[in-house]
Amino acid sequence: MSKYEKGDAKQTSLLDVLKKKMRQAREEAEQAKDEADEVKRMLEEERKKREDAEAEVAALNRRIVLAEAEVASLNRRMTLLEEELERAEERLKVATEKMEEASVNCDESERARKSMETRSQQDEERANLLEVQVDEAKVIAEDADRKYEEVQLNITSKPIPTSSSTIRLRTTHR
């Protein structure tokens, strides 16, 4: 082997080593590029997931704000309803007291009505009795008037008695 051949063999082997190293470097570069592309893709996926999560968090925050507003509105409504209930209970209490008072007044009026009815009935019975007594008194008075007229007629139609007849008349009257 000549020097040239030796140098040529060395060069070839050096070239082969360099080619091999270049090939390895190219493969490593392609592998690194593939890995970089994969990392870039994963980074994009993570960025997309983060954006989606941020959008979801924003939507949830909006829902929370709306829910808090609704809770506040319901609390205000509940307060108003409680106040209205208190007013209704007070009105019910007043109405119940008035109804109880009216019931007592009604009972008293009913007792008074019955008492007046009883008195009226008693007065009517007394009036009827008095009417009967007045009618009887009229009959007795008419009878007495008639007897008086008869006696007076008898007296005027008889002759004036003498002294003995006056005595007899006096004794009969006693």
N, C-alpha and C. Protein backbone atom coordinates (compact mmCIF):
# COMPACT_ATOMS: atom_id res chain seq x y z
N MET A 1 0.81 -1.14 0.00
CA MET A 1 0.00 0.00 0.00
C MET A 1 0.86 1.21 0.00
N SER A 2 0.48 2.00 -0.80
CA SER A 2 1.26 3.21 -0.97
C SER A 2 0.70 4.26 -0.05
N LYS A 3 1.47 5.24 -0.01
CA LYS A 3 1.10 6.32 0.86
C LYS A 3 -0.23 6.92 0.42
N TYR A 4 -0.30 6.99 -0.86
CA TYR A 4 -1.50 7.58 -1.41
C TYR A 4 -2.67 6.69 -1.11
N GLU A 5 -2.46 5.48 -1.25
CA GLU A 5 -3.51 4.54 -1.00
C GLU A 5 -3.84 4.56 0.48
N LYS A 6 -2.77 4.63 1.26
CA LYS A 6 -2.98 4.68 2.68
C LYS A 6 -3.74 5.95 3.01
N GLY A 7 -3.30 7.07 2.45
CA GLY A 7 -3.94 8.35 2.68
C GLY A 7 -5.35 8.31 2.13
N ASP A 8 -5.49 7.65 0.99
CA ASP A 8 -6.79 7.52 0.35
C ASP A 8 -7.69 6.67 1.22
N ALA A 9 -7.17 5.62 1.80
CA ALA A 9 -7.94 4.73 2.62
C ALA A 9 -8.33 5.45 3.91
N LYS A 10 -7.36 6.27 4.39
CA LYS A 10 -7.64 7.01 5.59
C LYS A 10 -8.71 8.04 5.30
N GLN A 11 -8.57 8.66 4.13
CA GLN A 11 -9.53 9.67 3.76
C GLN A 11 -10.89 9.05 3.54
N THR A 12 -10.90 7.90 2.94
CA THR A 12 -12.17 7.24 2.68
C THR A 12 -12.78 6.87 4.01
N SER A 13 -11.95 6.33 4.85
CA SER A 13 -12.50 5.96 6.13
C SER A 13 -12.90 7.21 6.91
N LEU A 14 -12.11 8.28 6.78
CA LEU A 14 -12.46 9.53 7.42
C LEU A 14 -13.72 10.09 6.80
N LEU A 15 -13.82 9.99 5.49
CA LEU A 15 -15.02 10.45 4.79
C LEU A 15 -16.21 9.61 5.21
N ASP A 16 -15.95 8.33 5.33
CA ASP A 16 -17.04 7.45 5.75
C ASP A 16 -17.48 7.81 7.18
N VAL A 17 -16.49 8.05 8.01
CA VAL A 17 -16.81 8.41 9.39
C VAL A 17 -17.55 9.74 9.38
N LEU A 18 -17.06 10.69 8.56
CA LEU A 18 -17.72 12.00 8.49
C LEU A 18 -19.12 11.85 7.93
N LYS A 19 -19.24 11.05 6.89
CA LYS A 19 -20.57 10.83 6.29
C LYS A 19 -21.48 10.18 7.32
N LYS A 20 -20.86 9.20 8.03
CA LYS A 20 -21.64 8.51 9.03
C LYS A 20 -22.08 9.50 10.11
N LYS A 21 -21.09 10.34 10.53
CA LYS A 21 -21.40 11.32 11.56
C LYS A 21 -22.43 12.33 11.05
N MET A 22 -22.32 12.73 9.78
CA MET A 22 -23.27 13.67 9.19
C MET A 22 -24.65 13.03 9.11
N ARG A 23 -24.67 11.76 8.73
CA ARG A 23 -25.92 11.05 8.67
C ARG A 23 -26.55 10.97 10.07
N GLN A 24 -25.68 10.66 11.03
CA GLN A 24 -26.16 10.59 12.40
C GLN A 24 -26.66 11.97 12.85
N ALA A 25 -25.89 12.99 12.49
CA ALA A 25 -26.28 14.35 12.87
C ALA A 25 -27.59 14.73 12.18
N ARG A 26 -27.72 14.33 10.90
CA ARG A 26 -28.96 14.60 10.17
C ARG A 26 -30.11 13.85 10.81
N GLU A 27 -29.89 12.59 11.16
CA GLU A 27 -30.93 11.79 11.80
C GLU A 27 -31.30 12.39 13.15
N GLU A 28 -30.24 12.79 13.89
CA GLU A 28 -30.50 13.41 15.18
C GLU A 28 -31.24 14.73 15.00
N ALA A 29 -30.85 15.49 13.94
CA ALA A 29 -31.51 16.77 13.66
C ALA A 29 -32.98 16.53 13.29
N GLU A 30 -33.21 15.51 12.46
CA GLU A 30 -34.59 15.19 12.07
C GLU A 30 -35.37 14.71 13.29
N GLN A 31 -34.71 13.89 14.11
CA GLN A 31 -35.37 13.40 15.32
C GLN A 31 -35.65 14.59 16.25
N ALA A 32 -34.67 15.49 16.37
CA ALA A 32 -34.85 16.68 17.21
C ALA A 32 -35.97 17.54 16.62
N LYS A 33 -35.99 17.66 15.27
CA LYS A 33 -37.06 18.43 14.62
C LYS A 33 -38.40 17.77 14.87
N ASP A 34 -38.45 16.43 14.76
CA ASP A 34 -39.69 15.71 15.03
C ASP A 34 -40.12 15.91 16.48
N GLU A 35 -39.13 15.80 17.39
CA GLU A 35 -39.44 16.02 18.79
C GLU A 35 -39.92 17.45 19.02
N ALA A 36 -39.23 18.42 18.34
CA ALA A 36 -39.62 19.83 18.48
C ALA A 36 -41.03 20.02 17.93
N ASP A 37 -41.33 19.38 16.80
CA ASP A 37 -42.68 19.47 16.23
C ASP A 37 -43.70 18.86 17.20
N GLU A 38 -43.33 17.72 17.81
CA GLU A 38 -44.23 17.07 18.76
C GLU A 38 -44.44 17.97 19.99
N VAL A 39 -43.35 18.56 20.50
CA VAL A 39 -43.46 19.47 21.64
C VAL A 39 -44.29 20.68 21.24
N LYS A 40 -44.07 21.19 20.02
CA LYS A 40 -44.83 22.35 19.53
C LYS A 40 -46.32 21.99 19.45
N ARG A 41 -46.61 20.79 18.92
CA ARG A 41 -48.00 20.33 18.83
C ARG A 41 -48.60 20.18 20.22
N MET A 42 -47.83 19.58 21.15
CA MET A 42 -48.31 19.43 22.52
C MET A 42 -48.52 20.79 23.18
N LEU A 43 -47.58 21.71 22.88
CA LEU A 43 -47.71 23.07 23.41
C LEU A 43 -48.98 23.73 22.88
N GLU A 44 -49.27 23.55 21.59
CA GLU A 44 -50.50 24.10 21.00
C GLU A 44 -51.73 23.47 21.65
N GLU A 45 -51.68 22.15 21.86
CA GLU A 45 -52.80 21.46 22.52
C GLU A 45 -53.00 22.01 23.94
N GLU A 46 -51.90 22.18 24.66
CA GLU A 46 -51.98 22.70 26.03
C GLU A 46 -52.49 24.14 26.01
N ARG A 47 -52.02 24.94 25.04
CA ARG A 47 -52.49 26.32 24.91
C ARG A 47 -53.99 26.33 24.62
N LYS A 48 -54.42 25.43 23.74
CA LYS A 48 -55.85 25.33 23.40
C LYS A 48 -56.64 24.90 24.63
N LYS A 49 -56.14 23.91 25.37
CA LYS A 49 -56.81 23.45 26.59
C LYS A 49 -56.90 24.58 27.60
N ARG A 50 -55.77 25.35 27.73
CA ARG A 50 -55.76 26.46 28.68
C ARG A 50 -56.78 27.52 28.26
N GLU A 51 -56.83 27.84 26.95
CA GLU A 51 -57.81 28.82 26.47
C GLU A 51 -59.23 28.33 26.72
N ASP A 52 -59.47 27.03 26.45
CA ASP A 52 -60.80 26.46 26.70
C ASP A 52 -61.13 26.52 28.19
N ALA A 53 -60.12 26.18 29.04
CA ALA A 53 -60.34 26.22 30.49
C ALA A 53 -60.61 27.66 30.94
N GLU A 54 -59.84 28.62 30.39
CA GLU A 54 -60.06 30.02 30.75
C GLU A 54 -61.45 30.47 30.31
N ALA A 55 -61.88 30.03 29.11
CA ALA A 55 -63.21 30.38 28.62
C ALA A 55 -64.27 29.75 29.53
N GLU A 56 -64.02 28.50 29.94
CA GLU A 56 -64.96 27.82 30.84
C GLU A 56 -65.00 28.51 32.20
N VAL A 57 -63.83 28.91 32.71
CA VAL A 57 -63.77 29.63 33.98
C VAL A 57 -64.51 30.95 33.86
N ALA A 58 -64.33 31.65 32.76
CA ALA A 58 -65.03 32.93 32.54
C ALA A 58 -66.54 32.69 32.50
N ALA A 59 -66.96 31.62 31.79
CA ALA A 59 -68.38 31.31 31.72
C ALA A 59 -68.91 30.96 33.11
N LEU A 60 -68.14 30.18 33.86
CA LEU A 60 -68.55 29.83 35.23
C LEU A 60 -68.61 31.07 36.10
N ASN A 61 -67.66 31.98 35.94
CA ASN A 61 -67.68 33.23 36.70
C ASN A 61 -68.93 34.05 36.37
N ARG A 62 -69.27 34.08 35.08
CA ARG A 62 -70.49 34.79 34.68
C ARG A 62 -71.71 34.12 35.31
N ARG A 63 -71.73 32.79 35.30
CA ARG A 63 -72.85 32.07 35.92
C ARG A 63 -72.91 32.32 37.42
N ILE A 64 -71.72 32.39 38.05
CA ILE A 64 -71.68 32.67 39.48
C ILE A 64 -72.23 34.07 39.76
N VAL A 65 -71.82 35.04 38.95
CA VAL A 65 -72.31 36.42 39.12
C VAL A 65 -73.83 36.44 38.95
N LEU A 66 -74.32 35.75 37.91
CA LEU A 66 -75.77 35.70 37.69
C LEU A 66 -76.47 34.99 38.85
N ALA A 67 -75.88 33.90 39.33
CA ALA A 67 -76.48 33.16 40.44
C ALA A 67 -76.48 34.03 41.70
N GLU A 68 -75.38 34.75 41.94
CA GLU A 68 -75.34 35.64 43.11
C GLU A 68 -76.38 36.74 42.99
N ALA A 69 -76.57 37.27 41.78
CA ALA A 69 -77.59 38.30 41.57
C ALA A 69 -78.97 37.71 41.81
N GLU A 70 -79.17 36.48 41.35
CA GLU A 70 -80.46 35.83 41.55
C GLU A 70 -80.70 35.56 43.04
N VAL A 71 -79.66 35.13 43.75
CA VAL A 71 -79.77 34.90 45.20
C VAL A 71 -80.11 36.21 45.90
N ALA A 72 -79.43 37.29 45.52
CA ALA A 72 -79.72 38.59 46.13
C ALA A 72 -81.15 39.01 45.84
N SER A 73 -81.60 38.78 44.61
CA SER A 73 -82.98 39.11 44.23
C SER A 73 -83.97 38.28 45.04
N LEU A 74 -83.67 36.99 45.18
CA LEU A 74 -84.55 36.11 45.96
C LEU A 74 -84.55 36.50 47.43
N ASN A 75 -83.39 36.92 47.94
CA ASN A 75 -83.34 37.39 49.34
C ASN A 75 -84.18 38.64 49.52
N ARG A 76 -84.10 39.58 48.56
CA ARG A 76 -84.94 40.79 48.63
C ARG A 76 -86.41 40.40 48.57
N ARG A 77 -86.74 39.49 47.68
CA ARG A 77 -88.13 39.06 47.54
C ARG A 77 -88.60 38.37 48.82
N MET A 78 -87.74 37.54 49.40
CA MET A 78 -88.09 36.85 50.63
C MET A 78 -88.32 37.86 51.76
N THR A 79 -87.47 38.89 51.82
CA THR A 79 -87.64 39.93 52.83
C THR A 79 -88.97 40.64 52.64
N LEU A 80 -89.29 40.97 51.38
CA LEU A 80 -90.57 41.63 51.10
C LEU A 80 -91.74 40.72 51.47
N LEU A 81 -91.63 39.45 51.15
CA LEU A 81 -92.69 38.51 51.48
C LEU A 81 -92.84 38.34 52.99
N GLU A 82 -91.72 38.33 53.70
CA GLU A 82 -91.79 38.23 55.17
C GLU A 82 -92.47 39.46 55.75
N GLU A 83 -92.12 40.65 55.21
CA GLU A 83 -92.76 41.88 55.69
C GLU A 83 -94.26 41.85 55.37
N GLU A 84 -94.60 41.38 54.17
CA GLU A 84 -96.01 41.29 53.79
C GLU A 84 -96.73 40.29 54.69
N LEU A 85 -96.07 39.19 55.02
CA LEU A 85 -96.65 38.19 55.91
C LEU A 85 -96.90 38.80 57.29
N GLU A 86 -95.94 39.57 57.79
CA GLU A 86 -96.12 40.21 59.09
C GLU A 86 -97.32 41.16 59.06
N ARG A 87 -97.43 41.94 57.97
CA ARG A 87 -98.58 42.86 57.86
C ARG A 87 -99.88 42.06 57.77
N ALA A 88 -99.88 40.98 57.02
CA ALA A 88 -101.09 40.15 56.88
C ALA A 88 -101.45 39.52 58.22
N GLU A 89 -100.44 39.06 58.97
CA GLU A 89 -100.72 38.48 60.28
C GLU A 89 -101.28 39.53 61.22
N GLU A 90 -100.76 40.76 61.14
CA GLU A 90 -101.28 41.84 61.99
C GLU A 90 -102.73 42.15 61.62
N ARG A 91 -102.99 42.22 60.29
CA ARG A 91 -104.37 42.47 59.85
C ARG A 91 -105.29 41.34 60.29
N LEU A 92 -104.80 40.10 60.20
CA LEU A 92 -105.58 38.94 60.64
C LEU A 92 -105.86 39.03 62.13
N LYS A 93 -104.86 39.42 62.91
CA LYS A 93 -105.04 39.56 64.36
C LYS A 93 -106.10 40.61 64.66
N VAL A 94 -106.01 41.77 63.98
CA VAL A 94 -107.00 42.83 64.20
C VAL A 94 -108.39 42.35 63.78
N ALA A 95 -108.46 41.68 62.64
CA ALA A 95 -109.75 41.19 62.15
C ALA A 95 -110.32 40.14 63.10
N THR A 96 -109.45 39.28 63.63
CA THR A 96 -109.91 38.25 64.57
C THR A 96 -110.43 38.90 65.85
N GLU A 97 -109.71 39.93 66.34
CA GLU A 97 -110.17 40.63 67.54
C GLU A 97 -111.53 41.30 67.28
N LYS A 98 -111.65 41.93 66.10
CA LYS A 98 -112.93 42.57 65.76
C LYS A 98 -114.04 41.53 65.64
N MET A 99 -113.70 40.38 65.06
CA MET A 99 -114.70 39.33 64.89
C MET A 99 -115.13 38.80 66.26
N GLU A 100 -114.16 38.62 67.17
CA GLU A 100 -114.50 38.15 68.51
C GLU A 100 -115.38 39.18 69.22
N GLU A 101 -115.03 40.47 69.07
CA GLU A 101 -115.82 41.53 69.67
C GLU A 101 -117.23 41.55 69.08
N ALA A 102 -117.30 41.39 67.75
CA ALA A 102 -118.61 41.36 67.09
C ALA A 102 -119.41 40.13 67.55
N SER A 103 -118.73 39.02 67.75
CA SER A 103 -119.40 37.81 68.21
C SER A 103 -119.97 38.02 69.61
N VAL A 104 -119.16 38.67 70.49
CA VAL A 104 -119.64 38.96 71.85
C VAL A 104 -120.84 39.90 71.77
N ASN A 105 -120.71 40.95 70.94
CA ASN A 105 -121.83 41.89 70.77
C ASN A 105 -123.06 41.20 70.22
N CYS A 106 -122.84 40.27 69.28
CA CYS A 106 -123.96 39.53 68.70
C CYS A 106 -124.64 38.68 69.77
N ASP A 107 -123.82 38.00 70.61
CA ASP A 107 -124.39 37.18 71.70
C ASP A 107 -125.18 38.06 72.66
N GLU A 108 -124.60 39.22 73.01
CA GLU A 108 -125.30 40.13 73.91
C GLU A 108 -126.59 40.63 73.28
N SER A 109 -126.53 40.97 71.99
CA SER A 109 -127.73 41.42 71.29
C SER A 109 -128.78 40.32 71.24
N GLU A 110 -128.35 39.08 71.03
CA GLU A 110 -129.28 37.95 70.99
C GLU A 110 -129.95 37.76 72.35
N ARG A 111 -129.13 37.86 73.43
CA ARG A 111 -129.71 37.74 74.78
C ARG A 111 -130.70 38.89 75.02
N ALA A 112 -130.31 40.10 74.62
CA ALA A 112 -131.19 41.26 74.81
C ALA A 112 -132.47 41.08 74.00
N ARG A 113 -132.34 40.56 72.76
CA ARG A 113 -133.52 40.33 71.92
C ARG A 113 -134.45 39.32 72.58
N LYS A 114 -133.87 38.23 73.10
CA LYS A 114 -134.71 37.21 73.75
C LYS A 114 -135.38 37.78 74.99
N SER A 115 -134.60 38.57 75.74
CA SER A 115 -135.17 39.19 76.94
C SER A 115 -136.31 40.13 76.55
N MET A 116 -136.08 40.93 75.51
CA MET A 116 -137.13 41.86 75.05
C MET A 116 -138.33 41.09 74.52
N GLU A 117 -138.07 39.99 73.83
CA GLU A 117 -139.17 39.15 73.33
C GLU A 117 -140.00 38.63 74.49
N THR A 118 -139.29 38.15 75.53
CA THR A 118 -139.98 37.62 76.71
C THR A 118 -140.79 38.73 77.37
N ARG A 119 -140.16 39.91 77.56
CA ARG A 119 -140.87 41.03 78.15
C ARG A 119 -142.06 41.45 77.30
N SER A 120 -141.84 41.46 75.99
CA SER A 120 -142.92 41.83 75.07
C SER A 120 -144.07 40.84 75.18
N GLN A 121 -143.71 39.56 75.26
CA GLN A 121 -144.75 38.53 75.39
C GLN A 121 -145.49 38.69 76.72
N GLN A 122 -144.72 38.96 77.79
CA GLN A 122 -145.36 39.17 79.09
C GLN A 122 -146.26 40.42 79.05
N ASP A 123 -145.75 41.50 78.42
CA ASP A 123 -146.55 42.72 78.30
C ASP A 123 -147.81 42.47 77.48
N GLU A 124 -147.68 41.68 76.44
CA GLU A 124 -148.83 41.36 75.60
C GLU A 124 -149.86 40.55 76.40
N GLU A 125 -149.34 39.58 77.19
CA GLU A 125 -150.25 38.79 78.02
C GLU A 125 -150.95 39.68 79.05
N ARG A 126 -150.18 40.61 79.67
CA ARG A 126 -150.77 41.55 80.63
C ARG A 126 -151.80 42.44 79.93
N ALA A 127 -151.45 42.90 78.72
CA ALA A 127 -152.37 43.75 77.97
C ALA A 127 -153.66 42.99 77.66
N ASN A 128 -153.51 41.72 77.26
CA ASN A 128 -154.70 40.90 76.97
C ASN A 128 -155.54 40.72 78.24
N LEU A 129 -154.85 40.45 79.37
CA LEU A 129 -155.54 40.29 80.64
C LEU A 129 -156.26 41.58 81.01
N LEU A 130 -155.52 42.72 80.83
CA LEU A 130 -156.14 44.01 81.14
C LEU A 130 -157.33 44.30 80.22
N GLU A 131 -157.22 43.90 78.94
CA GLU A 131 -158.34 44.08 78.02
C GLU A 131 -159.54 43.27 78.50
N VAL A 132 -159.28 42.03 78.91
CA VAL A 132 -160.36 41.18 79.42
C VAL A 132 -160.97 41.84 80.67
N GLN A 133 -160.07 42.33 81.58
CA GLN A 133 -160.57 42.98 82.80
C GLN A 133 -161.35 44.25 82.47
N VAL A 134 -160.86 45.01 81.45
CA VAL A 134 -161.59 46.22 81.02
C VAL A 134 -162.95 45.82 80.47
N ASP A 135 -162.96 44.76 79.65
CA ASP A 135 -164.25 44.30 79.10
C ASP A 135 -165.18 43.87 80.23
N GLU A 136 -164.65 43.14 81.23
CA GLU A 136 -165.46 42.71 82.38
C GLU A 136 -165.94 43.93 83.17
N ALA A 137 -165.01 44.91 83.34
CA ALA A 137 -165.37 46.12 84.07
C ALA A 137 -166.46 46.88 83.32
N LYS A 138 -166.36 46.90 81.98
CA LYS A 138 -167.41 47.57 81.18
C LYS A 138 -168.74 46.87 81.39
N VAL A 139 -168.65 45.51 81.36
CA VAL A 139 -169.90 44.75 81.55
C VAL A 139 -170.46 45.04 82.93
N ILE A 140 -169.58 45.03 83.96
CA ILE A 140 -170.05 45.30 85.33
C ILE A 140 -170.58 46.72 85.42
N ALA A 141 -169.87 47.67 84.79
CA ALA A 141 -170.31 49.08 84.83
C ALA A 141 -171.64 49.23 84.12
N GLU A 142 -171.76 48.56 82.97
CA GLU A 142 -173.04 48.64 82.24
C GLU A 142 -174.16 48.02 83.07
N ASP A 143 -173.82 46.90 83.71
CA ASP A 143 -174.82 46.24 84.56
C ASP A 143 -175.19 47.14 85.74
N ALA A 144 -174.16 47.79 86.32
CA ALA A 144 -174.42 48.70 87.45
C ALA A 144 -175.24 49.89 86.98
N ASP A 145 -174.91 50.43 85.81
CA ASP A 145 -175.66 51.56 85.25
C ASP A 145 -177.12 51.14 85.03
N ARG A 146 -177.27 49.96 84.48
CA ARG A 146 -178.62 49.48 84.21
C ARG A 146 -179.40 49.30 85.51
N LYS A 147 -178.75 48.70 86.51
CA LYS A 147 -179.42 48.52 87.80
C LYS A 147 -179.72 49.87 88.43
N TYR A 148 -178.77 50.80 88.31
CA TYR A 148 -178.98 52.13 88.86
C TYR A 148 -180.18 52.79 88.20
N GLU A 149 -180.24 52.65 86.87
CA GLU A 149 -181.37 53.24 86.15
C GLU A 149 -182.68 52.56 86.57
N GLU A 150 -182.63 51.27 86.79
CA GLU A 150 -183.82 50.56 87.23
C GLU A 150 -184.26 51.04 88.61
N VAL A 151 -183.28 51.16 89.49
CA VAL A 151 -183.61 51.61 90.84
C VAL A 151 -184.14 53.02 90.77
N GLN A 152 -183.51 53.83 89.99
CA GLN A 152 -183.97 55.21 89.88
C GLN A 152 -185.37 55.24 89.28
N LEU A 153 -185.62 54.42 88.34
CA LEU A 153 -186.96 54.35 87.75
C LEU A 153 -187.98 53.88 88.80
N ASN A 154 -187.56 52.92 89.57
CA ASN A 154 -188.44 52.41 90.62
C ASN A 154 -188.73 53.50 91.64
N ILE A 155 -187.72 54.24 91.95
CA ILE A 155 -187.89 55.28 92.95
C ILE A 155 -188.79 56.37 92.40
N THR A 156 -188.61 56.79 91.22
CA THR A 156 -189.41 57.87 90.66
C THR A 156 -190.82 57.41 90.35
N SER A 157 -191.00 56.17 90.10
CA SER A 157 -192.34 55.71 89.77
C SER A 157 -193.13 55.37 91.02
N LYS A 158 -192.59 55.23 92.15
CA LYS A 158 -193.30 54.90 93.37
C LYS A 158 -193.69 56.19 94.08
N PRO A 159 -194.79 56.13 94.86
CA PRO A 159 -195.19 57.33 95.60
C PRO A 159 -194.25 57.55 96.76
N ILE A 160 -194.21 58.73 97.17
CA ILE A 160 -193.35 59.13 98.26
C ILE A 160 -193.87 58.43 99.49
N PRO A 161 -193.07 57.80 100.15
CA PRO A 161 -193.50 57.01 101.28
C PRO A 161 -193.80 57.89 102.50
N THR A 162 -194.63 57.39 103.21
CA THR A 162 -194.97 58.06 104.46
C THR A 162 -193.91 57.70 105.44
N SER A 163 -194.06 58.14 106.58
CA SER A 163 -193.03 57.95 107.56
C SER A 163 -192.80 56.48 107.83
N SER A 164 -193.78 55.68 107.91
CA SER A 164 -193.57 54.27 108.16
C SER A 164 -192.89 53.63 106.94
N SER A 165 -193.23 54.06 105.75
CA SER A 165 -192.58 53.50 104.57
C SER A 165 -191.15 53.98 104.48
N THR A 166 -190.83 55.15 104.91
CA THR A 166 -189.45 55.64 104.91
C THR A 166 -188.64 54.80 105.84
N ILE A 167 -189.21 54.45 106.93
CA ILE A 167 -188.51 53.63 107.91
C ILE A 167 -188.26 52.27 107.30
N ARG A 168 -189.24 51.73 106.59
CA ARG A 168 -189.06 50.44 105.97
C ARG A 168 -188.00 50.51 104.89
N LEU A 169 -188.03 51.58 104.20
CA LEU A 169 -187.04 51.74 103.12
C LEU A 169 -185.66 51.86 103.70
N ARG A 170 -185.54 52.54 104.76
CA ARG A 170 -184.24 52.71 105.40
C ARG A 170 -183.75 51.36 105.93
N THR A 171 -184.60 50.60 106.49
CA THR A 171 -184.20 49.30 107.01
C THR A 171 -183.85 48.34 105.89
N THR A 172 -184.47 48.41 104.79
CA THR A 172 -184.15 47.52 103.67
C THR A 172 -182.81 47.88 103.05
N HIS A 173 -182.48 49.15 103.11
CA HIS A 173 -181.21 49.58 102.51
C HIS A 173 -180.03 49.20 103.35
N ARG A 174 -180.25 49.05 104.62
CA ARG A 174 -179.13 48.78 105.50
C ARG A 174 -178.78 47.40 105.32
